[in-house]
Amino acid sequence: MHVFEYGARRDEIEKALGVPFPDYVEFKRRIVFLKDGKIVHREDEPTDIECPIDRQVSFGGSNAGSHWSFTPDTAVFSAEKKEFIGGVYYVLRQVK
């Protein structure tokens, strides 16, 4: 599983994945699942650079980087629910 923040460019995504990334749209947060070197599922989520979006899921907090990679063994997280004026969002932090 690969997670990309909204600022990740297409060339950065393709380099990290090792495969072409079709239908790229700027300024989307992405979760991409690979199996046998192929994209089997992806989620392109909207973003707001000024504040979270209601029910947004954030990996490691926004200051932790722009790309994360997880295997089935390392995709173990603690979750924290946070509230803001527009709703709630969730921060996942890797624990394994």
PDB file of N, CA and C in Angstrom:
ATOM      1  N   MET A   1       0.850  -1.156   0.000  1.00  0.00           N
ATOM      2  CA  MET A   1       0.000   0.000   0.000  1.00  0.00           C
ATOM      3  C   MET A   1       0.904   1.229   0.000  1.00  0.00           C
ATOM      4  N   HIS A   2       0.578   2.181  -0.861  1.00  0.00           N
ATOM      5  CA  HIS A   2       1.299   3.444  -0.922  1.00  0.00           C
ATOM      6  C   HIS A   2       0.309   4.566  -0.654  1.00  0.00           C
ATOM      7  N   VAL A   3       0.751   5.532   0.125  1.00  0.00           N
ATOM      8  CA  VAL A   3      -0.061   6.695   0.448  1.00  0.00           C
ATOM      9  C   VAL A   3       0.691   7.929  -0.014  1.00  0.00           C
ATOM     10  N   PHE A   4      -0.004   8.807  -0.739  1.00  0.00           N
ATOM     11  CA  PHE A   4       0.607  10.025  -1.263  1.00  0.00           C
ATOM     12  C   PHE A   4      -0.207  11.230  -0.821  1.00  0.00           C
ATOM     13  N   GLU A   5       0.474  12.269  -0.363  1.00  0.00           N
ATOM     14  CA  GLU A   5      -0.182  13.529  -0.037  1.00  0.00           C
ATOM     15  C   GLU A   5      -0.521  14.264  -1.321  1.00  0.00           C
ATOM     16  N   TYR A   6      -1.307  15.327  -1.208  1.00  0.00           N
ATOM     17  CA  TYR A   6      -1.818  16.052  -2.377  1.00  0.00           C
ATOM     18  C   TYR A   6      -0.738  16.664  -3.255  1.00  0.00           C
ATOM     19  N   GLY A   7       0.462  16.908  -2.739  1.00  0.00           N
ATOM     20  CA  GLY A   7       1.511  17.547  -3.525  1.00  0.00           C
ATOM     21  C   GLY A   7       2.342  16.593  -4.366  1.00  0.00           C
ATOM     22  N   ALA A   8       2.090  15.286  -4.269  1.00  0.00           N
ATOM     23  CA  ALA A   8       2.891  14.317  -5.026  1.00  0.00           C
ATOM     24  C   ALA A   8       2.619  14.453  -6.517  1.00  0.00           C
ATOM     25  N   ARG A   9       3.692  14.602  -7.289  1.00  0.00           N
ATOM     26  CA  ARG A   9       3.570  14.720  -8.746  1.00  0.00           C
ATOM     27  C   ARG A   9       3.501  13.330  -9.380  1.00  0.00           C
ATOM     28  N   ARG A  10       3.006  13.295 -10.594  1.00  0.00           N
ATOM     29  CA  ARG A  10       2.862  12.027 -11.304  1.00  0.00           C
ATOM     30  C   ARG A  10       4.196  11.281 -11.397  1.00  0.00           C
ATOM     31  N   ASP A  11       5.286  11.979 -11.735  1.00  0.00           N
ATOM     32  CA  ASP A  11       6.573  11.303 -11.859  1.00  0.00           C
ATOM     33  C   ASP A  11       7.033  10.719 -10.526  1.00  0.00           C
ATOM     34  N   GLU A  12       6.755  11.398  -9.421  1.00  0.00           N
ATOM     35  CA  GLU A  12       7.102  10.877  -8.098  1.00  0.00           C
ATOM     36  C   GLU A  12       6.286   9.625  -7.773  1.00  0.00           C
ATOM     37  N   ILE A  13       5.014   9.666  -8.116  1.00  0.00           N
ATOM     38  CA  ILE A  13       4.134   8.521  -7.857  1.00  0.00           C
ATOM     39  C   ILE A  13       4.595   7.316  -8.671  1.00  0.00           C
ATOM     40  N   GLU A  14       4.846   7.522  -9.949  1.00  0.00           N
ATOM     41  CA  GLU A  14       5.273   6.413 -10.810  1.00  0.00           C
ATOM     42  C   GLU A  14       6.623   5.848 -10.384  1.00  0.00           C
ATOM     43  N   LYS A  15       7.518   6.699  -9.935  1.00  0.00           N
ATOM     44  CA  LYS A  15       8.822   6.218  -9.454  1.00  0.00           C
ATOM     45  C   LYS A  15       8.632   5.350  -8.208  1.00  0.00           C
ATOM     46  N   ALA A  16       7.799   5.802  -7.279  1.00  0.00           N
ATOM     47  CA  ALA A  16       7.556   5.049  -6.047  1.00  0.00           C
ATOM     48  C   ALA A  16       6.855   3.721  -6.321  1.00  0.00           C
ATOM     49  N   LEU A  17       5.890   3.738  -7.249  1.00  0.00           N
ATOM     50  CA  LEU A  17       5.127   2.523  -7.542  1.00  0.00           C
ATOM     51  C   LEU A  17       5.866   1.564  -8.461  1.00  0.00           C
ATOM     52  N   GLY A  18       6.672   2.123  -9.361  1.00  0.00           N
ATOM     53  CA  GLY A  18       7.361   1.290 -10.343  1.00  0.00           C
ATOM     54  C   GLY A  18       6.481   0.901 -11.510  1.00  0.00           C
ATOM     55  N   VAL A  19       5.331   1.553 -11.647  1.00  0.00           N
ATOM     56  CA  VAL A  19       4.396   1.291 -12.748  1.00  0.00           C
ATOM     57  C   VAL A  19       3.776   2.611 -13.184  1.00  0.00           C
ATOM     58  N   PRO A  20       3.230   2.672 -14.413  1.00  0.00           N
ATOM     59  CA  PRO A  20       2.525   3.888 -14.835  1.00  0.00           C
ATOM     60  C   PRO A  20       1.315   4.163 -13.940  1.00  0.00           C
ATOM     61  N   PHE A  21       1.022   5.449 -13.765  1.00  0.00           N
ATOM     62  CA  PHE A  21      -0.124   5.854 -12.950  1.00  0.00           C
ATOM     63  C   PHE A  21      -1.123   6.579 -13.846  1.00  0.00           C
ATOM     64  N   PRO A  22      -2.137   5.872 -14.342  1.00  0.00           N
ATOM     65  CA  PRO A  22      -3.097   6.476 -15.289  1.00  0.00           C
ATOM     66  C   PRO A  22      -4.056   7.455 -14.615  1.00  0.00           C
ATOM     67  N   ASP A  23      -4.612   8.326 -15.419  1.00  0.00           N
ATOM     68  CA  ASP A  23      -5.665   9.241 -14.989  1.00  0.00           C
ATOM     69  C   ASP A  23      -5.239  10.123 -13.810  1.00  0.00           C
ATOM     70  N   TYR A  24      -4.007  10.618 -13.861  1.00  0.00           N
ATOM     71  CA  TYR A  24      -3.484  11.492 -12.806  1.00  0.00           C
ATOM     72  C   TYR A  24      -4.220  12.835 -12.815  1.00  0.00           C
ATOM     73  N   VAL A  25      -4.607  13.287 -11.649  1.00  0.00           N
ATOM     74  CA  VAL A  25      -5.203  14.603 -11.451  1.00  0.00           C
ATOM     75  C   VAL A  25      -4.438  15.254 -10.305  1.00  0.00           C
ATOM     76  N   GLU A  26      -4.058  16.518 -10.485  1.00  0.00           N
ATOM     77  CA  GLU A  26      -3.302  17.214  -9.445  1.00  0.00           C
ATOM     78  C   GLU A  26      -4.126  17.427  -8.180  1.00  0.00           C
ATOM     79  N   PHE A  27      -3.397  17.576  -7.090  1.00  0.00           N
ATOM     80  CA  PHE A  27      -3.951  17.970  -5.792  1.00  0.00           C
ATOM     81  C   PHE A  27      -4.987  16.997  -5.232  1.00  0.00           C
ATOM     82  N   LYS A  28      -4.710  15.721  -5.385  1.00  0.00           N
ATOM     83  CA  LYS A  28      -5.526  14.680  -4.765  1.00  0.00           C
ATOM     84  C   LYS A  28      -4.644  13.903  -3.792  1.00  0.00           C
ATOM     85  N   ARG A  29      -5.201  13.504  -2.672  1.00  0.00           N
ATOM     86  CA  ARG A  29      -4.525  12.569  -1.777  1.00  0.00           C
ATOM     87  C   ARG A  29      -4.831  11.177  -2.298  1.00  0.00           C
ATOM     88  N   ARG A  30      -3.855  10.275  -2.225  1.00  0.00           N
ATOM     89  CA  ARG A  30      -4.050   8.966  -2.843  1.00  0.00           C
ATOM     90  C   ARG A  30      -3.629   7.820  -1.933  1.00  0.00           C
ATOM     91  N   ILE A  31      -4.390   6.742  -2.030  1.00  0.00           N
ATOM     92  CA  ILE A  31      -4.009   5.459  -1.453  1.00  0.00           C
ATOM     93  C   ILE A  31      -4.021   4.480  -2.612  1.00  0.00           C
ATOM     94  N   VAL A  32      -2.889   3.802  -2.822  1.00  0.00           N
ATOM     95  CA  VAL A  32      -2.740   2.902  -3.974  1.00  0.00           C
ATOM     96  C   VAL A  32      -2.302   1.538  -3.466  1.00  0.00           C
ATOM     97  N   PHE A  33      -3.008   0.495  -3.893  1.00  0.00           N
ATOM     98  CA  PHE A  33      -2.672  -0.871  -3.519  1.00  0.00           C
ATOM     99  C   PHE A  33      -2.092  -1.587  -4.738  1.00  0.00           C
ATOM    100  N   LEU A  34      -0.953  -2.239  -4.527  1.00  0.00           N
ATOM    101  CA  LEU A  34      -0.293  -3.007  -5.592  1.00  0.00           C
ATOM    102  C   LEU A  34      -0.325  -4.490  -5.252  1.00  0.00           C
ATOM    103  N   LYS A  35      -0.399  -5.314  -6.284  1.00  0.00           N
ATOM    104  CA  LYS A  35      -0.234  -6.761  -6.139  1.00  0.00           C
ATOM    105  C   LYS A  35       0.462  -7.254  -7.390  1.00  0.00           C
ATOM    106  N   ASP A  36       1.547  -7.959  -7.200  1.00  0.00           N
ATOM    107  CA  ASP A  36       2.327  -8.494  -8.313  1.00  0.00           C
ATOM    108  C   ASP A  36       2.701  -7.395  -9.309  1.00  0.00           C
ATOM    109  N   GLY A  37       3.071  -6.222  -8.786  1.00  0.00           N
ATOM    110  CA  GLY A  37       3.523  -5.126  -9.631  1.00  0.00           C
ATOM    111  C   GLY A  37       2.432  -4.422 -10.425  1.00  0.00           C
ATOM    112  N   LYS A  38       1.171  -4.608 -10.049  1.00  0.00           N
ATOM    113  CA  LYS A  38       0.061  -3.956 -10.749  1.00  0.00           C
ATOM    114  C   LYS A  38      -0.840  -3.244  -9.745  1.00  0.00           C
ATOM    115  N   ILE A  39      -1.407  -2.122 -10.164  1.00  0.00           N
ATOM    116  CA  ILE A  39      -2.371  -1.409  -9.322  1.00  0.00           C
ATOM    117  C   ILE A  39      -3.662  -2.206  -9.309  1.00  0.00           C
ATOM    118  N   VAL A  40      -4.082  -2.632  -8.119  1.00  0.00           N
ATOM    119  CA  VAL A  40      -5.327  -3.399  -8.005  1.00  0.00           C
ATOM    120  C   VAL A  40      -6.459  -2.574  -7.404  1.00  0.00           C
ATOM    121  N   HIS A  41      -6.105  -1.489  -6.721  1.00  0.00           N
ATOM    122  CA  HIS A  41      -7.124  -0.589  -6.168  1.00  0.00           C
ATOM    123  C   HIS A  41      -6.459   0.739  -5.863  1.00  0.00           C
ATOM    124  N   ARG A  42      -7.201   1.808  -6.074  1.00  0.00           N
ATOM    125  CA  ARG A  42      -6.694   3.133  -5.703  1.00  0.00           C
ATOM    126  C   ARG A  42      -7.855   4.014  -5.296  1.00  0.00           C
ATOM    127  N   GLU A  43      -7.556   4.936  -4.412  1.00  0.00           N
ATOM    128  CA  GLU A  43      -8.536   5.924  -3.977  1.00  0.00           C
ATOM    129  C   GLU A  43      -7.896   7.291  -4.123  1.00  0.00           C
ATOM    130  N   ASP A  44      -8.525   8.159  -4.884  1.00  0.00           N
ATOM    131  CA  ASP A  44      -8.076   9.534  -5.065  1.00  0.00           C
ATOM    132  C   ASP A  44      -9.042  10.423  -4.309  1.00  0.00           C
ATOM    133  N   GLU A  45      -8.552  11.046  -3.252  1.00  0.00           N
ATOM    134  CA  GLU A  45      -9.410  11.807  -2.354  1.00  0.00           C
ATOM    135  C   GLU A  45      -9.193  13.306  -2.527  1.00  0.00           C
ATOM    136  N   PRO A  46     -10.257  14.108  -2.392  1.00  0.00           N
ATOM    137  CA  PRO A  46     -10.105  15.560  -2.479  1.00  0.00           C
ATOM    138  C   PRO A  46      -9.288  16.082  -1.308  1.00  0.00           C
ATOM    139  N   THR A  47      -8.795  17.290  -1.446  1.00  0.00           N
ATOM    140  CA  THR A  47      -8.019  17.892  -0.373  1.00  0.00           C
ATOM    141  C   THR A  47      -8.343  19.371  -0.250  1.00  0.00           C
ATOM    142  N   ASP A  48      -8.036  19.906   0.882  1.00  0.00           N
ATOM    143  CA  ASP A  48      -8.117  21.347   1.129  1.00  0.00           C
ATOM    144  C   ASP A  48      -6.800  21.702   1.802  1.00  0.00           C
ATOM    145  N   ILE A  49      -6.007  22.560   1.190  1.00  0.00           N
ATOM    146  CA  ILE A  49      -4.682  22.842   1.737  1.00  0.00           C
ATOM    147  C   ILE A  49      -4.726  23.680   3.009  1.00  0.00           C
ATOM    148  N   GLU A  50      -5.884  24.241   3.336  1.00  0.00           N
ATOM    149  CA  GLU A  50      -5.989  25.089   4.521  1.00  0.00           C
ATOM    150  C   GLU A  50      -6.487  24.358   5.761  1.00  0.00           C
ATOM    151  N   CYS A  51      -7.266  23.310   5.581  1.00  0.00           N
ATOM    152  CA  CYS A  51      -7.779  22.577   6.736  1.00  0.00           C
ATOM    153  C   CYS A  51      -8.212  21.185   6.289  1.00  0.00           C
ATOM    154  N   PRO A  52      -8.405  20.284   7.252  1.00  0.00           N
ATOM    155  CA  PRO A  52      -8.863  18.936   6.889  1.00  0.00           C
ATOM    156  C   PRO A  52     -10.258  18.977   6.272  1.00  0.00           C
ATOM    157  N   ILE A  53     -10.594  17.913   5.598  1.00  0.00           N
ATOM    158  CA  ILE A  53     -11.935  17.698   5.069  1.00  0.00           C
ATOM    159  C   ILE A  53     -12.652  16.754   6.020  1.00  0.00           C
ATOM    160  N   ASP A  54     -13.934  16.949   6.202  1.00  0.00           N
ATOM    161  CA  ASP A  54     -14.694  16.086   7.101  1.00  0.00           C
ATOM    162  C   ASP A  54     -14.482  14.617   6.743  1.00  0.00           C
ATOM    163  N   ARG A  55     -14.131  13.829   7.742  1.00  0.00           N
ATOM    164  CA  ARG A  55     -13.883  12.377   7.655  1.00  0.00           C
ATOM    165  C   ARG A  55     -12.600  12.029   6.905  1.00  0.00           C
ATOM    166  N   GLN A  56     -11.700  12.991   6.765  1.00  0.00           N
ATOM    167  CA  GLN A  56     -10.409  12.742   6.118  1.00  0.00           C
ATOM    168  C   GLN A  56      -9.576  11.791   6.967  1.00  0.00           C
ATOM    169  N   VAL A  57      -8.803  10.937   6.300  1.00  0.00           N
ATOM    170  CA  VAL A  57      -7.855  10.068   6.983  1.00  0.00           C
ATOM    171  C   VAL A  57      -6.460  10.564   6.623  1.00  0.00           C
ATOM    172  N   SER A  58      -5.664  10.813   7.650  1.00  0.00           N
ATOM    173  CA  SER A  58      -4.303  11.304   7.468  1.00  0.00           C
ATOM    174  C   SER A  58      -3.333  10.265   8.007  1.00  0.00           C
ATOM    175  N   PHE A  59      -2.250  10.036   7.305  1.00  0.00           N
ATOM    176  CA  PHE A  59      -1.248   9.068   7.730  1.00  0.00           C
ATOM    177  C   PHE A  59      -0.075   9.790   8.365  1.00  0.00           C
ATOM    178  N   GLY A  60       0.124   9.561   9.644  1.00  0.00           N
ATOM    179  CA  GLY A  60       1.283  10.092  10.332  1.00  0.00           C
ATOM    180  C   GLY A  60       1.264  11.576  10.565  1.00  0.00           C
ATOM    181  N   GLY A  61       0.161  12.244  10.294  1.00  0.00           N
ATOM    182  CA  GLY A  61       0.111  13.689  10.425  1.00  0.00           C
ATOM    183  C   GLY A  61       0.652  14.346   9.176  1.00  0.00           C
ATOM    184  N   SER A  62       0.270  15.554   8.936  1.00  0.00           N
ATOM    185  CA  SER A  62       0.628  16.207   7.678  1.00  0.00           C
ATOM    186  C   SER A  62       2.089  16.582   7.579  1.00  0.00           C
ATOM    187  N   ASN A  63       2.834  16.601   8.677  1.00  0.00           N
ATOM    188  CA  ASN A  63       4.241  16.994   8.628  1.00  0.00           C
ATOM    189  C   ASN A  63       5.191  15.811   8.497  1.00  0.00           C
ATOM    190  N   ALA A  64       4.673  14.615   8.344  1.00  0.00           N
ATOM    191  CA  ALA A  64       5.521  13.426   8.340  1.00  0.00           C
ATOM    192  C   ALA A  64       6.089  13.098   6.969  1.00  0.00           C
ATOM    193  N   GLY A  65       5.733  13.818   5.927  1.00  0.00           N
ATOM    194  CA  GLY A  65       6.240  13.549   4.592  1.00  0.00           C
ATOM    195  C   GLY A  65       5.112  13.555   3.585  1.00  0.00           C
ATOM    196  N   SER A  66       5.441  13.180   2.323  1.00  0.00           N
ATOM    197  CA  SER A  66       4.408  13.198   1.288  1.00  0.00           C
ATOM    198  C   SER A  66       4.157  11.820   0.684  1.00  0.00           C
ATOM    199  N   HIS A  67       4.941  10.815   1.094  1.00  0.00           N
ATOM    200  CA  HIS A  67       4.751   9.457   0.577  1.00  0.00           C
ATOM    201  C   HIS A  67       5.104   8.453   1.665  1.00  0.00           C
ATOM    202  N   TRP A  68       4.227   7.492   1.844  1.00  0.00           N
ATOM    203  CA  TRP A  68       4.476   6.401   2.773  1.00  0.00           C
ATOM    204  C   TRP A  68       4.218   5.090   2.046  1.00  0.00           C
ATOM    205  N   SER A  69       4.957   4.072   2.407  1.00  0.00           N
ATOM    206  CA  SER A  69       4.789   2.745   1.816  1.00  0.00           C
ATOM    207  C   SER A  69       4.651   1.732   2.950  1.00  0.00           C
ATOM    208  N   PHE A  70       3.668   0.832   2.830  1.00  0.00           N
ATOM    209  CA  PHE A  70       3.406  -0.151   3.859  1.00  0.00           C
ATOM    210  C   PHE A  70       3.248  -1.537   3.241  1.00  0.00           C
ATOM    211  N   THR A  71       3.703  -2.540   3.943  1.00  0.00           N
ATOM    212  CA  THR A  71       3.478  -3.931   3.562  1.00  0.00           C
ATOM    213  C   THR A  71       2.381  -4.476   4.479  1.00  0.00           C
ATOM    214  N   PRO A  72       1.857  -5.673   4.195  1.00  0.00           N
ATOM    215  CA  PRO A  72       0.866  -6.241   5.121  1.00  0.00           C
ATOM    216  C   PRO A  72       1.408  -6.350   6.559  1.00  0.00           C
ATOM    217  N   ASP A  73       2.709  -6.583   6.705  1.00  0.00           N
ATOM    218  CA  ASP A  73       3.284  -6.700   8.041  1.00  0.00           C
ATOM    219  C   ASP A  73       3.450  -5.357   8.744  1.00  0.00           C
ATOM    220  N   THR A  74       3.633  -4.270   7.987  1.00  0.00           N
ATOM    221  CA  THR A  74       3.879  -2.967   8.608  1.00  0.00           C
ATOM    222  C   THR A  74       2.651  -2.053   8.620  1.00  0.00           C
ATOM    223  N   ALA A  75       1.560  -2.502   8.023  1.00  0.00           N
ATOM    224  CA  ALA A  75       0.341  -1.681   7.971  1.00  0.00           C
ATOM    225  C   ALA A  75      -0.492  -1.895   9.240  1.00  0.00           C
ATOM    226  N   VAL A  76       0.124  -1.558  10.376  1.00  0.00           N
ATOM    227  CA  VAL A  76      -0.533  -1.648  11.678  1.00  0.00           C
ATOM    228  C   VAL A  76      -0.509  -0.236  12.259  1.00  0.00           C
ATOM    229  N   PHE A  77      -1.687   0.292  12.595  1.00  0.00           N
ATOM    230  CA  PHE A  77      -1.789   1.696  12.966  1.00  0.00           C
ATOM    231  C   PHE A  77      -2.568   1.884  14.263  1.00  0.00           C
ATOM    232  N   SER A  78      -2.242   2.966  14.940  1.00  0.00           N
ATOM    233  CA  SER A  78      -3.131   3.477  15.986  1.00  0.00           C
ATOM    234  C   SER A  78      -3.915   4.604  15.326  1.00  0.00           C
ATOM    235  N   ALA A  79      -5.119   4.832  15.780  1.00  0.00           N
ATOM    236  CA  ALA A  79      -5.966   5.862  15.173  1.00  0.00           C
ATOM    237  C   ALA A  79      -6.400   6.862  16.234  1.00  0.00           C
ATOM    238  N   GLU A  80      -6.375   8.120  15.831  1.00  0.00           N
ATOM    239  CA  GLU A  80      -6.825   9.186  16.713  1.00  0.00           C
ATOM    240  C   GLU A  80      -7.879  10.005  15.980  1.00  0.00           C
ATOM    241  N   LYS A  81      -9.007  10.187  16.611  1.00  0.00           N
ATOM    242  CA  LYS A  81     -10.082  10.994  16.037  1.00  0.00           C
ATOM    243  C   LYS A  81      -9.924  12.429  16.540  1.00  0.00           C
ATOM    244  N   LYS A  82      -9.940  13.383  15.603  1.00  0.00           N
ATOM    245  CA  LYS A  82      -9.807  14.792  15.965  1.00  0.00           C
ATOM    246  C   LYS A  82     -11.002  15.559  15.422  1.00  0.00           C
ATOM    247  N   GLU A  83     -11.427  16.538  16.181  1.00  0.00           N
ATOM    248  CA  GLU A  83     -12.566  17.354  15.767  1.00  0.00           C
ATOM    249  C   GLU A  83     -12.091  18.735  15.345  1.00  0.00           C
ATOM    250  N   PHE A  84     -12.800  19.315  14.391  1.00  0.00           N
ATOM    251  CA  PHE A  84     -12.563  20.685  13.977  1.00  0.00           C
ATOM    252  C   PHE A  84     -13.909  21.281  13.597  1.00  0.00           C
ATOM    253  N   ILE A  85     -13.948  22.553  13.306  1.00  0.00           N
ATOM    254  CA  ILE A  85     -15.225  23.231  13.058  1.00  0.00           C
ATOM    255  C   ILE A  85     -16.029  22.553  11.946  1.00  0.00           C
ATOM    256  N   GLY A  86     -15.370  22.023  10.923  1.00  0.00           N
ATOM    257  CA  GLY A  86     -16.073  21.415   9.800  1.00  0.00           C
ATOM    258  C   GLY A  86     -16.412  19.949   9.972  1.00  0.00           C
ATOM    259  N   GLY A  87     -16.053  19.343  11.102  1.00  0.00           N
ATOM    260  CA  GLY A  87     -16.360  17.932  11.306  1.00  0.00           C
ATOM    261  C   GLY A  87     -15.274  17.211  12.074  1.00  0.00           C
ATOM    262  N   VAL A  88     -14.933  16.007  11.613  1.00  0.00           N
ATOM    263  CA  VAL A  88     -13.894  15.202  12.262  1.00  0.00           C
ATOM    264  C   VAL A  88     -12.922  14.703  11.204  1.00  0.00           C
ATOM    265  N   TYR A  89     -11.710  14.373  11.661  1.00  0.00           N
ATOM    266  CA  TYR A  89     -10.751  13.694  10.787  1.00  0.00           C
ATOM    267  C   TYR A  89      -9.974  12.706  11.657  1.00  0.00           C
ATOM    268  N   TYR A  90      -9.264  11.803  11.013  1.00  0.00           N
ATOM    269  CA  TYR A  90      -8.587  10.719  11.708  1.00  0.00           C
ATOM    270  C   TYR A  90      -7.111  10.729  11.331  1.00  0.00           C
ATOM    271  N   VAL A  91      -6.273  10.572  12.333  1.00  0.00           N
ATOM    272  CA  VAL A  91      -4.825  10.484  12.100  1.00  0.00           C
ATOM    273  C   VAL A  91      -4.399   9.065  12.420  1.00  0.00           C
ATOM    274  N   LEU A  92      -3.822   8.382  11.435  1.00  0.00           N
ATOM    275  CA  LEU A  92      -3.290   7.033  11.638  1.00  0.00           C
ATOM    276  C   LEU A  92      -1.777   7.132  11.814  1.00  0.00           C
ATOM    277  N   ARG A  93      -1.270   6.501  12.849  1.00  0.00           N
ATOM    278  CA  ARG A  93       0.164   6.471  13.082  1.00  0.00           C
ATOM    279  C   ARG A  93       0.608   5.016  13.081  1.00  0.00           C
ATOM    280  N   GLN A  94       1.666   4.772  12.340  1.00  0.00           N
ATOM    281  CA  GLN A  94       2.190   3.404  12.235  1.00  0.00           C
ATOM    282  C   GLN A  94       2.757   2.959  13.578  1.00  0.00           C
ATOM    283  N   VAL A  95       2.384   1.766  14.017  1.00  0.00           N
ATOM    284  CA  VAL A  95       2.869   1.254  15.291  1.00  0.00           C
ATOM    285  C   VAL A  95       3.760   0.038  15.126  1.00  0.00           C
ATOM    286  N   LYS A  96       3.861  -0.468  13.927  1.00  0.00           N
ATOM    287  CA  LYS A  96       4.694  -1.662  13.685  1.00  0.00           C
ATOM    288  C   LYS A  96       5.609  -1.445  12.516  1.00  0.00           C
TER     289      LYS A  96
END
